[in-house]
C-alpha cells in the first residue's frame, strides 16, 4: 500500500484520518491499523470503493495506492 499517496490525496481534500474513518464507518484506530498495515489489516473492497468515490480517483490511482507492491 502507498500510504503516502493516500495521505497526500486526503490533505488535498482537507480530510484527516479521523474524518475519513468516520466517513468509512470505522474507528480511527481501525483506520490507523489499515493505513499502516498492522497485523495484516487491509482496507475492504467496500472501503476502497468509498474512497474512490469520495476523492473521484481513477482506476490507476486506486491501483497505485492499494495494489502496487514496492519491490526493492
N, C-alpha and C. Protein backbone atom coordinates (compact mmCIF):
# COMPACT_ATOMS: atom_id res chain seq x y z
N UNK A 1 0.84 -1.17 0.00
CA UNK A 1 0.00 0.00 0.00
C UNK A 1 0.89 1.24 0.00
N UNK A 2 0.47 2.23 -0.77
CA UNK A 2 1.19 3.50 -0.84
C UNK A 2 0.46 4.51 0.05
N UNK A 3 0.77 4.46 1.35
CA UNK A 3 0.05 5.33 2.28
C UNK A 3 0.39 6.80 2.06
N UNK A 4 1.58 7.08 1.55
CA UNK A 4 1.95 8.46 1.26
C UNK A 4 1.04 9.09 0.23
N UNK A 5 0.70 8.33 -0.80
CA UNK A 5 -0.19 8.85 -1.85
C UNK A 5 -1.59 9.06 -1.29
N UNK A 6 -2.08 8.12 -0.49
CA UNK A 6 -3.41 8.28 0.10
C UNK A 6 -3.43 9.50 1.02
N UNK A 7 -2.41 9.65 1.85
CA UNK A 7 -2.37 10.79 2.76
C UNK A 7 -2.30 12.11 1.99
N UNK A 8 -1.56 12.14 0.88
CA UNK A 8 -1.47 13.38 0.10
C UNK A 8 -2.82 13.73 -0.52
N UNK A 9 -3.56 12.73 -0.97
CA UNK A 9 -4.90 12.96 -1.52
C UNK A 9 -5.83 13.46 -0.42
N UNK A 10 -5.71 12.90 0.76
CA UNK A 10 -6.52 13.34 1.88
C UNK A 10 -6.25 14.80 2.19
N UNK A 11 -4.98 15.20 2.23
CA UNK A 11 -4.60 16.58 2.52
C UNK A 11 -5.15 17.52 1.45
N UNK A 12 -5.02 17.12 0.18
CA UNK A 12 -5.53 17.95 -0.91
C UNK A 12 -7.03 18.19 -0.80
N UNK A 13 -7.72 17.26 -0.14
CA UNK A 13 -9.16 17.36 0.02
C UNK A 13 -9.57 17.80 1.43
N UNK A 14 -8.61 18.38 2.15
CA UNK A 14 -8.87 18.86 3.52
C UNK A 14 -9.48 17.80 4.42
N UNK A 15 -9.01 16.57 4.28
CA UNK A 15 -9.50 15.46 5.08
C UNK A 15 -8.44 15.05 6.09
N UNK A 16 -8.88 14.45 7.17
CA UNK A 16 -7.98 13.89 8.18
C UNK A 16 -8.26 12.40 8.30
N UNK A 17 -7.38 11.70 8.99
CA UNK A 17 -7.64 10.28 9.22
C UNK A 17 -8.94 10.10 9.99
N UNK A 18 -9.21 11.00 10.92
CA UNK A 18 -10.44 10.91 11.71
C UNK A 18 -11.67 11.11 10.83
N UNK A 19 -11.66 12.14 9.99
CA UNK A 19 -12.85 12.40 9.16
C UNK A 19 -13.06 11.29 8.14
N UNK A 20 -11.98 10.76 7.56
CA UNK A 20 -12.15 9.68 6.59
C UNK A 20 -12.61 8.40 7.28
N UNK A 21 -12.11 8.14 8.47
CA UNK A 21 -12.56 6.94 9.19
C UNK A 21 -14.05 7.03 9.51
N UNK A 22 -14.51 8.20 9.92
CA UNK A 22 -15.94 8.38 10.19
C UNK A 22 -16.76 8.18 8.92
N UNK A 23 -16.27 8.71 7.79
CA UNK A 23 -16.95 8.53 6.51
C UNK A 23 -17.05 7.04 6.15
N UNK A 24 -15.99 6.29 6.44
CA UNK A 24 -15.96 4.86 6.10
C UNK A 24 -16.74 4.01 7.11
N UNK A 25 -17.08 4.60 8.26
CA UNK A 25 -17.81 3.85 9.28
C UNK A 25 -16.93 2.94 10.11
N UNK A 26 -15.66 3.31 10.24
CA UNK A 26 -14.74 2.54 11.07
C UNK A 26 -14.13 3.47 12.10
N UNK A 27 -13.57 2.90 13.14
CA UNK A 27 -12.96 3.72 14.18
C UNK A 27 -11.63 4.29 13.68
N UNK A 28 -11.20 5.40 14.26
CA UNK A 28 -9.90 5.95 13.89
C UNK A 28 -8.76 4.95 14.15
N UNK A 29 -8.88 4.14 15.18
CA UNK A 29 -7.86 3.13 15.48
C UNK A 29 -7.80 2.07 14.38
N UNK A 30 -8.97 1.64 13.91
CA UNK A 30 -9.03 0.66 12.83
C UNK A 30 -8.45 1.26 11.55
N UNK A 31 -8.79 2.52 11.27
CA UNK A 31 -8.25 3.20 10.10
C UNK A 31 -6.73 3.24 10.17
N UNK A 32 -6.20 3.60 11.34
CA UNK A 32 -4.75 3.67 11.53
C UNK A 32 -4.09 2.31 11.27
N UNK A 33 -4.70 1.25 11.78
CA UNK A 33 -4.16 -0.09 11.55
C UNK A 33 -4.16 -0.44 10.07
N UNK A 34 -5.20 -0.05 9.37
CA UNK A 34 -5.30 -0.36 7.94
C UNK A 34 -4.30 0.44 7.12
N UNK A 35 -4.17 1.73 7.38
CA UNK A 35 -3.27 2.55 6.59
C UNK A 35 -1.80 2.18 6.87
N UNK A 36 -1.54 1.70 8.08
CA UNK A 36 -0.17 1.28 8.45
C UNK A 36 0.05 -0.22 8.26
N UNK A 37 -0.99 -0.93 7.80
CA UNK A 37 -0.93 -2.37 7.53
C UNK A 37 -0.42 -3.16 8.74
N UNK A 38 -0.94 -2.81 9.91
CA UNK A 38 -0.54 -3.51 11.13
C UNK A 38 -1.32 -4.81 11.27
N UNK A 39 -0.61 -5.85 11.66
CA UNK A 39 -1.21 -7.17 11.89
C UNK A 39 -2.04 -7.66 10.71
N UNK A 40 -1.60 -7.34 9.49
CA UNK A 40 -2.29 -7.80 8.29
C UNK A 40 -3.57 -7.05 7.96
N UNK A 41 -3.82 -5.93 8.63
CA UNK A 41 -5.03 -5.15 8.36
C UNK A 41 -4.99 -4.57 6.96
N UNK A 42 -6.12 -4.63 6.27
CA UNK A 42 -6.24 -4.08 4.93
C UNK A 42 -7.60 -3.43 4.77
N UNK A 43 -7.68 -2.48 3.84
CA UNK A 43 -8.98 -1.89 3.51
C UNK A 43 -9.80 -2.91 2.74
N UNK A 44 -11.10 -2.95 3.01
CA UNK A 44 -12.00 -3.86 2.30
C UNK A 44 -12.33 -3.28 0.93
N UNK A 45 -12.90 -4.11 0.07
CA UNK A 45 -13.33 -3.64 -1.25
C UNK A 45 -14.34 -2.50 -1.12
N UNK A 46 -15.25 -2.62 -0.18
CA UNK A 46 -16.26 -1.58 0.03
C UNK A 46 -15.61 -0.28 0.46
N UNK A 47 -14.64 -0.35 1.36
CA UNK A 47 -13.94 0.86 1.81
C UNK A 47 -13.16 1.50 0.67
N UNK A 48 -12.50 0.68 -0.13
CA UNK A 48 -11.75 1.20 -1.29
C UNK A 48 -12.70 1.88 -2.26
N UNK A 49 -13.86 1.29 -2.48
CA UNK A 49 -14.85 1.89 -3.38
C UNK A 49 -15.31 3.25 -2.85
N UNK A 50 -15.56 3.33 -1.55
CA UNK A 50 -15.99 4.60 -0.95
C UNK A 50 -14.90 5.67 -1.07
N UNK A 51 -13.64 5.28 -0.86
CA UNK A 51 -12.52 6.20 -1.00
C UNK A 51 -12.42 6.67 -2.45
N UNK A 52 -12.58 5.75 -3.38
CA UNK A 52 -12.53 6.09 -4.81
C UNK A 52 -13.60 7.13 -5.15
N UNK A 53 -14.80 6.92 -4.67
CA UNK A 53 -15.90 7.84 -4.97
C UNK A 53 -15.73 9.18 -4.25
N UNK A 54 -15.26 9.16 -3.01
CA UNK A 54 -15.10 10.40 -2.23
C UNK A 54 -14.11 11.34 -2.90
N UNK A 55 -13.01 10.78 -3.42
CA UNK A 55 -11.96 11.61 -4.00
C UNK A 55 -11.96 11.60 -5.53
N UNK A 56 -12.95 10.93 -6.12
CA UNK A 56 -13.04 10.84 -7.58
C UNK A 56 -11.73 10.34 -8.19
N UNK A 57 -11.25 9.22 -7.66
CA UNK A 57 -9.98 8.65 -8.10
C UNK A 57 -10.16 7.77 -9.33
N UNK A 58 -9.14 7.72 -10.14
CA UNK A 58 -9.14 6.85 -11.31
C UNK A 58 -8.76 5.43 -10.89
N UNK A 59 -8.98 4.50 -11.80
CA UNK A 59 -8.59 3.12 -11.53
C UNK A 59 -7.07 3.04 -11.33
N UNK A 60 -6.33 3.85 -12.06
CA UNK A 60 -4.87 3.87 -11.92
C UNK A 60 -4.48 4.36 -10.52
N UNK A 61 -5.17 5.39 -10.03
CA UNK A 61 -4.89 5.89 -8.68
C UNK A 61 -5.14 4.79 -7.65
N UNK A 62 -6.25 4.08 -7.79
CA UNK A 62 -6.58 3.00 -6.86
C UNK A 62 -5.51 1.93 -6.89
N UNK A 63 -5.08 1.55 -8.09
CA UNK A 63 -4.01 0.55 -8.20
C UNK A 63 -2.73 1.05 -7.54
N UNK A 64 -2.38 2.31 -7.78
CA UNK A 64 -1.16 2.88 -7.20
C UNK A 64 -1.21 2.90 -5.68
N UNK A 65 -2.37 3.20 -5.13
CA UNK A 65 -2.50 3.32 -3.67
C UNK A 65 -2.60 1.95 -3.00
N UNK A 66 -3.49 1.11 -3.50
CA UNK A 66 -3.83 -0.11 -2.76
C UNK A 66 -3.19 -1.40 -3.27
N UNK A 67 -2.76 -1.44 -4.52
CA UNK A 67 -2.38 -2.73 -5.08
C UNK A 67 -0.95 -2.83 -5.60
N UNK A 68 -0.27 -1.72 -5.78
CA UNK A 68 1.11 -1.81 -6.26
C UNK A 68 2.04 -2.19 -5.12
N UNK A 69 2.81 -3.22 -5.35
CA UNK A 69 3.78 -3.64 -4.35
C UNK A 69 5.10 -2.97 -4.66
N UNK A 70 5.76 -2.48 -3.64
CA UNK A 70 7.06 -1.87 -3.81
C UNK A 70 8.09 -2.99 -3.70
N UNK A 71 8.86 -3.17 -4.77
CA UNK A 71 9.86 -4.22 -4.79
C UNK A 71 11.22 -3.56 -4.81
N UNK A 72 12.08 -3.98 -3.90
CA UNK A 72 13.41 -3.38 -3.86
C UNK A 72 14.40 -4.18 -4.66
